[in-house]
Amino acid sequence: MGEDDFGHLERLVSELDSRGLHARLVRTRSGRPFVRVINPNATSLAENVTCRAQPATAPRPPDVYYWWSWGERMHTVEDPAGAATKVARVLAAVGE
């Protein structure tokens, strides 16, 4: 994982924080870094988001995306605000 990927994750943390969610970048000794996101109004609502390239299917550089913890591609890293909106929607408590 390159420094650009850390930058993408840090921008996502900033966007999530601005939406009132608790988010932090977690770096592990082994494995992929991720953003841990928690809804402070319902702490059981939490998610881990990673950042990685989509495998290239054409002779061009692969596109980089944010990914849900269950391995589904979420959103392009070029739009961290859009990704944060998706995460906030998934982690919203009833009535929020």
N, C-alpha and C. Protein backbone atom coordinates (compact mmCIF):
# COMPACT_ATOMS: atom_id res chain seq x y z
N MET A 1 0.85 -1.17 0.00
CA MET A 1 0.00 0.00 0.00
C MET A 1 0.89 1.24 0.00
N GLY A 2 0.64 2.13 -0.91
CA GLY A 2 1.47 3.32 -1.04
C GLY A 2 0.98 4.47 -0.20
N GLU A 3 1.78 5.52 -0.15
CA GLU A 3 1.41 6.72 0.60
C GLU A 3 0.15 7.37 0.04
N ASP A 4 -0.07 7.25 -1.29
CA ASP A 4 -1.30 7.78 -1.87
C ASP A 4 -2.52 7.13 -1.24
N ASP A 5 -2.44 5.81 -1.01
CA ASP A 5 -3.55 5.10 -0.40
C ASP A 5 -3.82 5.59 1.02
N PHE A 6 -2.76 5.86 1.79
CA PHE A 6 -2.94 6.44 3.12
C PHE A 6 -3.63 7.80 3.02
N GLY A 7 -3.24 8.57 2.02
CA GLY A 7 -3.87 9.87 1.81
C GLY A 7 -5.36 9.73 1.51
N HIS A 8 -5.72 8.74 0.71
CA HIS A 8 -7.14 8.49 0.41
C HIS A 8 -7.89 8.14 1.69
N LEU A 9 -7.31 7.29 2.52
CA LEU A 9 -7.96 6.92 3.77
C LEU A 9 -8.06 8.10 4.73
N GLU A 10 -7.03 8.92 4.79
CA GLU A 10 -7.06 10.10 5.66
C GLU A 10 -8.13 11.09 5.21
N ARG A 11 -8.30 11.26 3.90
CA ARG A 11 -9.36 12.15 3.41
C ARG A 11 -10.74 11.60 3.76
N LEU A 12 -10.89 10.29 3.71
CA LEU A 12 -12.16 9.68 4.10
C LEU A 12 -12.43 9.92 5.59
N VAL A 13 -11.41 9.77 6.43
CA VAL A 13 -11.57 10.03 7.87
C VAL A 13 -12.07 11.46 8.09
N SER A 14 -11.50 12.41 7.40
CA SER A 14 -11.91 13.81 7.54
C SER A 14 -13.38 14.00 7.15
N GLU A 15 -13.78 13.39 6.05
CA GLU A 15 -15.18 13.50 5.60
C GLU A 15 -16.14 12.83 6.59
N LEU A 16 -15.76 11.69 7.11
CA LEU A 16 -16.61 10.99 8.08
C LEU A 16 -16.74 11.78 9.37
N ASP A 17 -15.63 12.34 9.84
CA ASP A 17 -15.66 13.19 11.04
C ASP A 17 -16.60 14.37 10.85
N SER A 18 -16.60 14.96 9.67
CA SER A 18 -17.45 16.13 9.41
C SER A 18 -18.93 15.76 9.42
N ARG A 19 -19.23 14.47 9.31
CA ARG A 19 -20.62 13.99 9.35
C ARG A 19 -21.01 13.49 10.74
N GLY A 20 -20.14 13.72 11.72
CA GLY A 20 -20.45 13.35 13.10
C GLY A 20 -20.16 11.91 13.47
N LEU A 21 -19.48 11.19 12.58
CA LEU A 21 -19.10 9.82 12.88
C LEU A 21 -17.69 9.82 13.47
N HIS A 22 -17.40 8.82 14.31
CA HIS A 22 -16.04 8.67 14.82
C HIS A 22 -15.27 7.79 13.84
N ALA A 23 -14.19 8.31 13.31
CA ALA A 23 -13.39 7.55 12.32
C ALA A 23 -11.92 7.71 12.65
N ARG A 24 -11.19 6.59 12.50
CA ARG A 24 -9.74 6.66 12.70
C ARG A 24 -9.07 5.68 11.75
N LEU A 25 -7.87 6.05 11.36
CA LEU A 25 -7.06 5.20 10.48
C LEU A 25 -6.32 4.20 11.35
N VAL A 26 -6.49 2.93 11.05
CA VAL A 26 -5.85 1.85 11.81
C VAL A 26 -4.77 1.24 10.94
N ARG A 27 -3.55 1.25 11.45
CA ARG A 27 -2.42 0.63 10.76
C ARG A 27 -2.03 -0.62 11.53
N THR A 28 -1.94 -1.72 10.83
CA THR A 28 -1.58 -2.98 11.48
C THR A 28 -0.17 -3.38 11.07
N ARG A 29 0.44 -4.22 11.88
CA ARG A 29 1.78 -4.70 11.53
C ARG A 29 1.74 -5.55 10.27
N SER A 30 0.71 -6.34 10.15
CA SER A 30 0.54 -7.14 8.94
C SER A 30 -0.90 -6.94 8.46
N GLY A 31 -1.07 -6.92 7.20
CA GLY A 31 -2.40 -6.69 6.67
C GLY A 31 -2.59 -5.27 6.20
N ARG A 32 -3.73 -5.04 5.65
CA ARG A 32 -4.07 -3.77 5.02
C ARG A 32 -4.58 -2.76 6.05
N PRO A 33 -4.11 -1.52 6.01
CA PRO A 33 -4.67 -0.48 6.88
C PRO A 33 -6.14 -0.27 6.53
N PHE A 34 -6.89 0.24 7.48
CA PHE A 34 -8.31 0.48 7.24
C PHE A 34 -8.79 1.65 8.09
N VAL A 35 -9.96 2.13 7.75
CA VAL A 35 -10.61 3.17 8.54
C VAL A 35 -11.69 2.49 9.36
N ARG A 36 -11.63 2.67 10.67
CA ARG A 36 -12.66 2.16 11.59
C ARG A 36 -13.64 3.28 11.82
N VAL A 37 -14.91 3.04 11.53
CA VAL A 37 -15.95 4.06 11.64
C VAL A 37 -17.02 3.57 12.62
N ILE A 38 -17.41 4.45 13.54
CA ILE A 38 -18.43 4.12 14.53
C ILE A 38 -19.43 5.27 14.61
N ASN A 39 -20.70 4.92 14.67
CA ASN A 39 -21.74 5.91 14.91
C ASN A 39 -21.77 6.16 16.42
N PRO A 40 -21.44 7.37 16.88
CA PRO A 40 -21.38 7.62 18.33
C PRO A 40 -22.75 7.56 19.01
N ASN A 41 -23.83 7.65 18.22
CA ASN A 41 -25.18 7.58 18.78
C ASN A 41 -25.70 6.15 18.89
N ALA A 42 -24.99 5.23 18.26
CA ALA A 42 -25.36 3.81 18.29
C ALA A 42 -24.07 3.03 18.03
N THR A 43 -23.28 2.83 19.08
CA THR A 43 -21.92 2.30 18.90
C THR A 43 -21.87 0.89 18.34
N SER A 44 -22.98 0.18 18.33
CA SER A 44 -22.98 -1.14 17.69
C SER A 44 -22.97 -1.02 16.17
N LEU A 45 -23.25 0.18 15.68
CA LEU A 45 -23.21 0.43 14.23
C LEU A 45 -21.80 0.89 13.88
N ALA A 46 -21.03 -0.03 13.29
CA ALA A 46 -19.62 0.25 12.98
C ALA A 46 -19.25 -0.45 11.67
N GLU A 47 -18.19 0.03 11.06
CA GLU A 47 -17.74 -0.53 9.79
C GLU A 47 -16.24 -0.28 9.64
N ASN A 48 -15.57 -1.18 8.93
CA ASN A 48 -14.18 -0.99 8.54
C ASN A 48 -14.14 -0.80 7.03
N VAL A 49 -13.43 0.22 6.59
CA VAL A 49 -13.32 0.53 5.16
C VAL A 49 -11.86 0.47 4.75
N THR A 50 -11.58 -0.25 3.67
CA THR A 50 -10.23 -0.32 3.14
C THR A 50 -10.15 0.46 1.83
N CYS A 51 -8.94 0.52 1.31
CA CYS A 51 -8.68 1.21 0.05
C CYS A 51 -7.73 0.32 -0.75
N ARG A 52 -8.12 0.01 -1.99
CA ARG A 52 -7.23 -0.78 -2.84
C ARG A 52 -7.66 -0.64 -4.28
N ALA A 53 -6.79 -1.08 -5.15
CA ALA A 53 -7.05 -1.00 -6.58
C ALA A 53 -7.99 -2.11 -7.02
N GLN A 54 -8.84 -1.78 -7.96
CA GLN A 54 -9.65 -2.78 -8.66
C GLN A 54 -8.73 -3.47 -9.64
N PRO A 55 -8.72 -4.77 -9.70
CA PRO A 55 -7.86 -5.44 -10.67
C PRO A 55 -8.12 -4.91 -12.09
N ALA A 56 -7.05 -4.61 -12.79
CA ALA A 56 -7.18 -4.04 -14.13
C ALA A 56 -7.68 -5.11 -15.10
N THR A 57 -8.61 -4.71 -15.95
CA THR A 57 -9.11 -5.60 -17.00
C THR A 57 -8.65 -5.13 -18.37
N ALA A 58 -7.99 -4.02 -18.42
CA ALA A 58 -7.49 -3.47 -19.68
C ALA A 58 -6.04 -3.03 -19.46
N PRO A 59 -5.31 -2.80 -20.53
CA PRO A 59 -3.90 -2.38 -20.37
C PRO A 59 -3.78 -0.92 -19.94
N ARG A 60 -4.27 -0.61 -18.77
CA ARG A 60 -4.16 0.73 -18.19
C ARG A 60 -4.02 0.57 -16.69
N PRO A 61 -3.60 1.61 -15.99
CA PRO A 61 -3.48 1.50 -14.52
C PRO A 61 -4.84 1.18 -13.90
N PRO A 62 -4.86 0.36 -12.86
CA PRO A 62 -6.14 0.02 -12.22
C PRO A 62 -6.71 1.22 -11.47
N ASP A 63 -8.02 1.28 -11.40
CA ASP A 63 -8.71 2.30 -10.63
C ASP A 63 -8.67 1.92 -9.15
N VAL A 64 -8.61 2.93 -8.28
CA VAL A 64 -8.53 2.70 -6.83
C VAL A 64 -9.88 3.06 -6.21
N TYR A 65 -10.35 2.20 -5.29
CA TYR A 65 -11.65 2.35 -4.67
C TYR A 65 -11.57 2.16 -3.16
N TYR A 66 -12.61 2.68 -2.49
CA TYR A 66 -12.86 2.30 -1.11
C TYR A 66 -13.67 1.01 -1.17
N TRP A 67 -13.46 0.13 -0.17
CA TRP A 67 -14.13 -1.16 -0.13
C TRP A 67 -14.78 -1.39 1.22
N TRP A 68 -15.99 -1.98 1.21
CA TRP A 68 -16.66 -2.38 2.44
C TRP A 68 -15.90 -3.55 3.05
N SER A 69 -16.13 -3.80 4.34
CA SER A 69 -15.44 -4.88 5.05
C SER A 69 -15.78 -6.25 4.47
N TRP A 70 -16.93 -6.39 3.85
CA TRP A 70 -17.33 -7.69 3.30
C TRP A 70 -16.80 -7.90 1.88
N GLY A 71 -15.95 -6.98 1.40
CA GLY A 71 -15.26 -7.17 0.13
C GLY A 71 -15.96 -6.58 -1.09
N GLU A 72 -17.02 -5.84 -0.88
CA GLU A 72 -17.72 -5.21 -1.99
C GLU A 72 -17.13 -3.81 -2.25
N ARG A 73 -16.91 -3.51 -3.52
CA ARG A 73 -16.42 -2.18 -3.89
C ARG A 73 -17.49 -1.16 -3.54
N MET A 74 -17.06 -0.06 -2.88
CA MET A 74 -18.01 0.95 -2.42
C MET A 74 -18.05 2.18 -3.31
N HIS A 75 -16.88 2.83 -3.47
CA HIS A 75 -16.88 4.16 -4.12
C HIS A 75 -15.46 4.51 -4.55
N THR A 76 -15.33 5.30 -5.58
CA THR A 76 -14.02 5.74 -6.04
C THR A 76 -13.34 6.64 -5.01
N VAL A 77 -12.02 6.55 -4.90
CA VAL A 77 -11.29 7.38 -3.94
C VAL A 77 -11.21 8.83 -4.40
N GLU A 78 -11.57 9.08 -5.63
CA GLU A 78 -11.56 10.46 -6.14
C GLU A 78 -12.69 11.29 -5.53
N ASP A 79 -13.62 10.65 -4.84
CA ASP A 79 -14.76 11.33 -4.24
C ASP A 79 -14.97 10.85 -2.80
N PRO A 80 -14.08 11.25 -1.88
CA PRO A 80 -14.24 10.79 -0.50
C PRO A 80 -15.53 11.28 0.15
N ALA A 81 -16.05 12.43 -0.27
CA ALA A 81 -17.31 12.93 0.28
C ALA A 81 -18.46 11.99 -0.09
N GLY A 82 -18.47 11.51 -1.32
CA GLY A 82 -19.50 10.56 -1.73
C GLY A 82 -19.40 9.26 -0.97
N ALA A 83 -18.18 8.78 -0.74
CA ALA A 83 -17.97 7.56 0.04
C ALA A 83 -18.45 7.76 1.47
N ALA A 84 -18.14 8.90 2.06
CA ALA A 84 -18.55 9.18 3.44
C ALA A 84 -20.07 9.24 3.55
N THR A 85 -20.73 9.77 2.54
CA THR A 85 -22.20 9.80 2.53
C THR A 85 -22.77 8.38 2.54
N LYS A 86 -22.18 7.48 1.77
CA LYS A 86 -22.63 6.09 1.75
C LYS A 86 -22.43 5.43 3.11
N VAL A 87 -21.27 5.64 3.72
CA VAL A 87 -21.00 5.04 5.02
C VAL A 87 -21.96 5.60 6.06
N ALA A 88 -22.19 6.90 6.05
CA ALA A 88 -23.10 7.53 7.01
C ALA A 88 -24.51 6.97 6.86
N ARG A 89 -24.93 6.72 5.64
CA ARG A 89 -26.26 6.16 5.39
C ARG A 89 -26.36 4.74 5.97
N VAL A 90 -25.33 3.93 5.77
CA VAL A 90 -25.33 2.55 6.26
C VAL A 90 -25.29 2.52 7.79
N LEU A 91 -24.56 3.44 8.40
CA LEU A 91 -24.41 3.44 9.86
C LEU A 91 -25.44 4.29 10.59
N ALA A 92 -26.41 4.85 9.88
CA ALA A 92 -27.41 5.70 10.51
C ALA A 92 -28.33 4.87 11.42
N ALA A 93 -28.56 5.38 12.60
CA ALA A 93 -29.50 4.74 13.52
C ALA A 93 -30.91 5.13 13.11
N VAL A 94 -31.88 4.32 13.47
CA VAL A 94 -33.27 4.63 13.17
C VAL A 94 -33.61 5.99 13.76
N GLY A 95 -34.18 6.85 12.96
CA GLY A 95 -34.56 8.18 13.41
C GLY A 95 -33.51 9.24 13.22
N GLU A 96 -32.31 8.86 12.74
CA GLU A 96 -31.25 9.87 12.51
C GLU A 96 -31.44 10.53 11.16
